[in-house]
Amino acid sequence: MAKGIRLLITLNFWHIWKHRNARIFDGARPDCEALTEPILNLASLWQLAEAKNLRKLPLYAQPTEAMQP
């Protein structure tokens, strides 16, 4: 379970960094939903793909319509 949590922390930092860069370099406005949605979607997709260390974690986000096959 610790590896799964580390992976989620890494995902969070990566998306926070990308959101920060969009704000600084592209003039994007701060948006919590735009920040959290990709994190939850990616974690959910990894869970669906049975990522070894994420399938045990309780993630409640469902992939958005854009991510549906």
N, C-alpha and C. Protein backbone atom coordinates (compact mmCIF):
# COMPACT_ATOMS: atom_id res chain seq x y z
N MET A 1 0.83 -1.19 0.00
CA MET A 1 0.00 0.00 0.00
C MET A 1 0.87 1.25 0.00
N ALA A 2 2.04 1.22 0.62
CA ALA A 2 2.90 2.40 0.68
C ALA A 2 3.33 2.84 -0.71
N LYS A 3 3.60 1.89 -1.62
CA LYS A 3 4.00 2.24 -2.98
C LYS A 3 2.86 2.94 -3.70
N GLY A 4 1.63 2.49 -3.48
CA GLY A 4 0.47 3.13 -4.09
C GLY A 4 0.30 4.55 -3.62
N ILE A 5 0.51 4.77 -2.34
CA ILE A 5 0.40 6.13 -1.79
C ILE A 5 1.50 7.01 -2.34
N ARG A 6 2.72 6.48 -2.45
CA ARG A 6 3.81 7.26 -3.04
C ARG A 6 3.51 7.62 -4.49
N LEU A 7 2.91 6.69 -5.20
CA LEU A 7 2.55 6.95 -6.59
C LEU A 7 1.50 8.06 -6.68
N LEU A 8 0.51 8.03 -5.80
CA LEU A 8 -0.50 9.09 -5.78
C LEU A 8 0.11 10.44 -5.42
N ILE A 9 1.03 10.45 -4.50
CA ILE A 9 1.70 11.70 -4.13
C ILE A 9 2.48 12.24 -5.33
N THR A 10 3.17 11.35 -6.03
CA THR A 10 3.91 11.77 -7.23
C THR A 10 2.95 12.32 -8.28
N LEU A 11 1.81 11.65 -8.49
CA LEU A 11 0.81 12.15 -9.43
C LEU A 11 0.34 13.55 -9.04
N ASN A 12 0.09 13.74 -7.75
CA ASN A 12 -0.36 15.05 -7.27
C ASN A 12 0.67 16.12 -7.56
N PHE A 13 1.91 15.85 -7.21
CA PHE A 13 2.96 16.85 -7.44
C PHE A 13 3.12 17.14 -8.93
N TRP A 14 3.05 16.13 -9.77
CA TRP A 14 3.21 16.33 -11.21
C TRP A 14 2.11 17.25 -11.75
N HIS A 15 0.86 16.99 -11.36
CA HIS A 15 -0.24 17.82 -11.86
C HIS A 15 -0.22 19.22 -11.25
N ILE A 16 0.19 19.34 -10.01
CA ILE A 16 0.34 20.67 -9.41
C ILE A 16 1.41 21.45 -10.17
N TRP A 17 2.51 20.80 -10.50
CA TRP A 17 3.59 21.45 -11.25
C TRP A 17 3.11 21.89 -12.64
N LYS A 18 2.37 21.01 -13.34
CA LYS A 18 1.85 21.36 -14.66
C LYS A 18 0.86 22.51 -14.56
N HIS A 19 0.01 22.51 -13.54
CA HIS A 19 -0.97 23.58 -13.34
C HIS A 19 -0.25 24.90 -13.04
N ARG A 20 0.78 24.83 -12.23
CA ARG A 20 1.58 26.00 -11.91
C ARG A 20 2.21 26.58 -13.18
N ASN A 21 2.79 25.70 -14.00
CA ASN A 21 3.40 26.17 -15.25
C ASN A 21 2.38 26.80 -16.18
N ALA A 22 1.19 26.23 -16.25
CA ALA A 22 0.14 26.81 -17.09
C ALA A 22 -0.23 28.20 -16.59
N ARG A 23 -0.28 28.37 -15.28
CA ARG A 23 -0.59 29.69 -14.71
C ARG A 23 0.51 30.69 -15.01
N ILE A 24 1.76 30.29 -14.84
CA ILE A 24 2.88 31.21 -15.00
C ILE A 24 3.15 31.52 -16.47
N PHE A 25 3.22 30.49 -17.30
CA PHE A 25 3.67 30.68 -18.68
C PHE A 25 2.54 30.91 -19.68
N ASP A 26 1.34 30.41 -19.39
CA ASP A 26 0.23 30.55 -20.33
C ASP A 26 -0.85 31.50 -19.83
N GLY A 27 -0.69 32.02 -18.62
CA GLY A 27 -1.67 32.94 -18.07
C GLY A 27 -2.98 32.29 -17.67
N ALA A 28 -2.98 30.98 -17.45
CA ALA A 28 -4.19 30.27 -17.04
C ALA A 28 -4.60 30.73 -15.65
N ARG A 29 -5.90 30.66 -15.39
CA ARG A 29 -6.41 31.04 -14.07
C ARG A 29 -6.36 29.85 -13.13
N PRO A 30 -6.13 30.09 -11.84
CA PRO A 30 -6.15 28.98 -10.87
C PRO A 30 -7.54 28.32 -10.87
N ASP A 31 -7.57 27.03 -10.89
CA ASP A 31 -8.83 26.29 -10.95
C ASP A 31 -8.64 24.94 -10.26
N CYS A 32 -9.22 24.80 -9.08
CA CYS A 32 -9.05 23.55 -8.30
C CYS A 32 -9.59 22.34 -9.04
N GLU A 33 -10.73 22.49 -9.70
CA GLU A 33 -11.31 21.36 -10.43
C GLU A 33 -10.41 20.93 -11.58
N ALA A 34 -9.85 21.91 -12.29
CA ALA A 34 -8.94 21.59 -13.39
C ALA A 34 -7.67 20.94 -12.87
N LEU A 35 -7.35 21.17 -11.63
CA LEU A 35 -6.17 20.56 -11.03
C LEU A 35 -6.45 19.14 -10.54
N THR A 36 -7.57 18.94 -9.86
CA THR A 36 -7.84 17.64 -9.25
C THR A 36 -8.42 16.61 -10.21
N GLU A 37 -9.20 17.05 -11.20
CA GLU A 37 -9.85 16.09 -12.10
C GLU A 37 -8.85 15.20 -12.84
N PRO A 38 -7.78 15.75 -13.44
CA PRO A 38 -6.83 14.85 -14.13
C PRO A 38 -6.14 13.87 -13.18
N ILE A 39 -5.89 14.29 -11.96
CA ILE A 39 -5.25 13.40 -10.99
C ILE A 39 -6.16 12.21 -10.70
N LEU A 40 -7.42 12.49 -10.40
CA LEU A 40 -8.36 11.41 -10.09
C LEU A 40 -8.64 10.54 -11.30
N ASN A 41 -8.75 11.16 -12.48
CA ASN A 41 -8.99 10.37 -13.69
C ASN A 41 -7.83 9.43 -13.99
N LEU A 42 -6.62 9.94 -13.91
CA LEU A 42 -5.46 9.10 -14.20
C LEU A 42 -5.33 7.98 -13.17
N ALA A 43 -5.53 8.30 -11.91
CA ALA A 43 -5.46 7.28 -10.86
C ALA A 43 -6.54 6.22 -11.07
N SER A 44 -7.75 6.65 -11.46
CA SER A 44 -8.83 5.70 -11.72
C SER A 44 -8.51 4.81 -12.91
N LEU A 45 -7.94 5.40 -13.96
CA LEU A 45 -7.56 4.59 -15.12
C LEU A 45 -6.49 3.58 -14.76
N TRP A 46 -5.53 4.00 -13.97
CA TRP A 46 -4.48 3.07 -13.54
C TRP A 46 -5.08 1.96 -12.70
N GLN A 47 -6.07 2.32 -11.88
CA GLN A 47 -6.74 1.31 -11.06
C GLN A 47 -7.49 0.32 -11.96
N LEU A 48 -8.19 0.85 -12.97
CA LEU A 48 -8.91 -0.01 -13.90
C LEU A 48 -7.96 -0.92 -14.67
N ALA A 49 -6.77 -0.42 -14.94
CA ALA A 49 -5.77 -1.22 -15.64
C ALA A 49 -5.06 -2.17 -14.68
N GLU A 50 -5.53 -2.16 -13.44
CA GLU A 50 -5.01 -3.03 -12.40
C GLU A 50 -3.56 -2.76 -12.07
N ALA A 51 -3.25 -1.47 -11.95
CA ALA A 51 -1.91 -1.10 -11.49
C ALA A 51 -1.72 -1.73 -10.12
N LYS A 52 -0.69 -2.48 -9.98
CA LYS A 52 -0.42 -3.30 -8.80
C LYS A 52 -0.59 -2.55 -7.49
N ASN A 53 -0.07 -1.34 -7.41
CA ASN A 53 -0.06 -0.63 -6.13
C ASN A 53 -1.23 0.33 -5.95
N LEU A 54 -2.06 0.51 -6.95
CA LEU A 54 -3.19 1.42 -6.81
C LEU A 54 -4.52 0.71 -6.60
N ARG A 55 -4.63 -0.54 -6.98
CA ARG A 55 -5.94 -1.18 -6.92
C ARG A 55 -6.45 -1.35 -5.50
N LYS A 56 -5.58 -1.23 -4.49
CA LYS A 56 -6.00 -1.36 -3.10
C LYS A 56 -6.50 -0.04 -2.52
N LEU A 57 -6.21 1.07 -3.19
CA LEU A 57 -6.57 2.38 -2.65
C LEU A 57 -7.99 2.75 -3.05
N PRO A 58 -8.74 3.38 -2.13
CA PRO A 58 -10.13 3.75 -2.42
C PRO A 58 -10.21 5.05 -3.20
N LEU A 59 -10.23 4.96 -4.51
CA LEU A 59 -10.39 6.15 -5.35
C LEU A 59 -11.83 6.17 -5.83
N TYR A 60 -12.47 7.30 -5.69
CA TYR A 60 -13.89 7.38 -5.99
C TYR A 60 -14.20 8.10 -7.29
N ALA A 61 -13.21 8.60 -7.98
CA ALA A 61 -13.46 9.31 -9.23
C ALA A 61 -13.75 8.32 -10.35
N GLN A 62 -14.67 8.69 -11.18
CA GLN A 62 -14.96 7.91 -12.38
C GLN A 62 -14.32 8.63 -13.55
N PRO A 63 -13.80 7.90 -14.53
CA PRO A 63 -13.23 8.57 -15.70
C PRO A 63 -14.26 9.48 -16.36
N THR A 64 -13.84 10.63 -16.83
CA THR A 64 -14.76 11.57 -17.46
C THR A 64 -15.16 11.05 -18.83
N GLU A 65 -16.15 11.70 -19.44
CA GLU A 65 -16.63 11.29 -20.75
C GLU A 65 -15.51 11.30 -21.78
N ALA A 66 -14.61 12.26 -21.67
CA ALA A 66 -13.51 12.36 -22.63
C ALA A 66 -12.60 11.14 -22.56
N MET A 67 -12.62 10.44 -21.44
CA MET A 67 -11.72 9.31 -21.27
C MET A 67 -12.41 7.98 -21.56
N GLN A 68 -13.71 8.02 -21.83
CA GLN A 68 -14.44 6.78 -22.12
C GLN A 68 -14.05 6.28 -23.51
N PRO A 69 -13.97 4.97 -23.69
CA PRO A 69 -13.62 4.42 -25.01
C PRO A 69 -14.70 4.69 -26.04
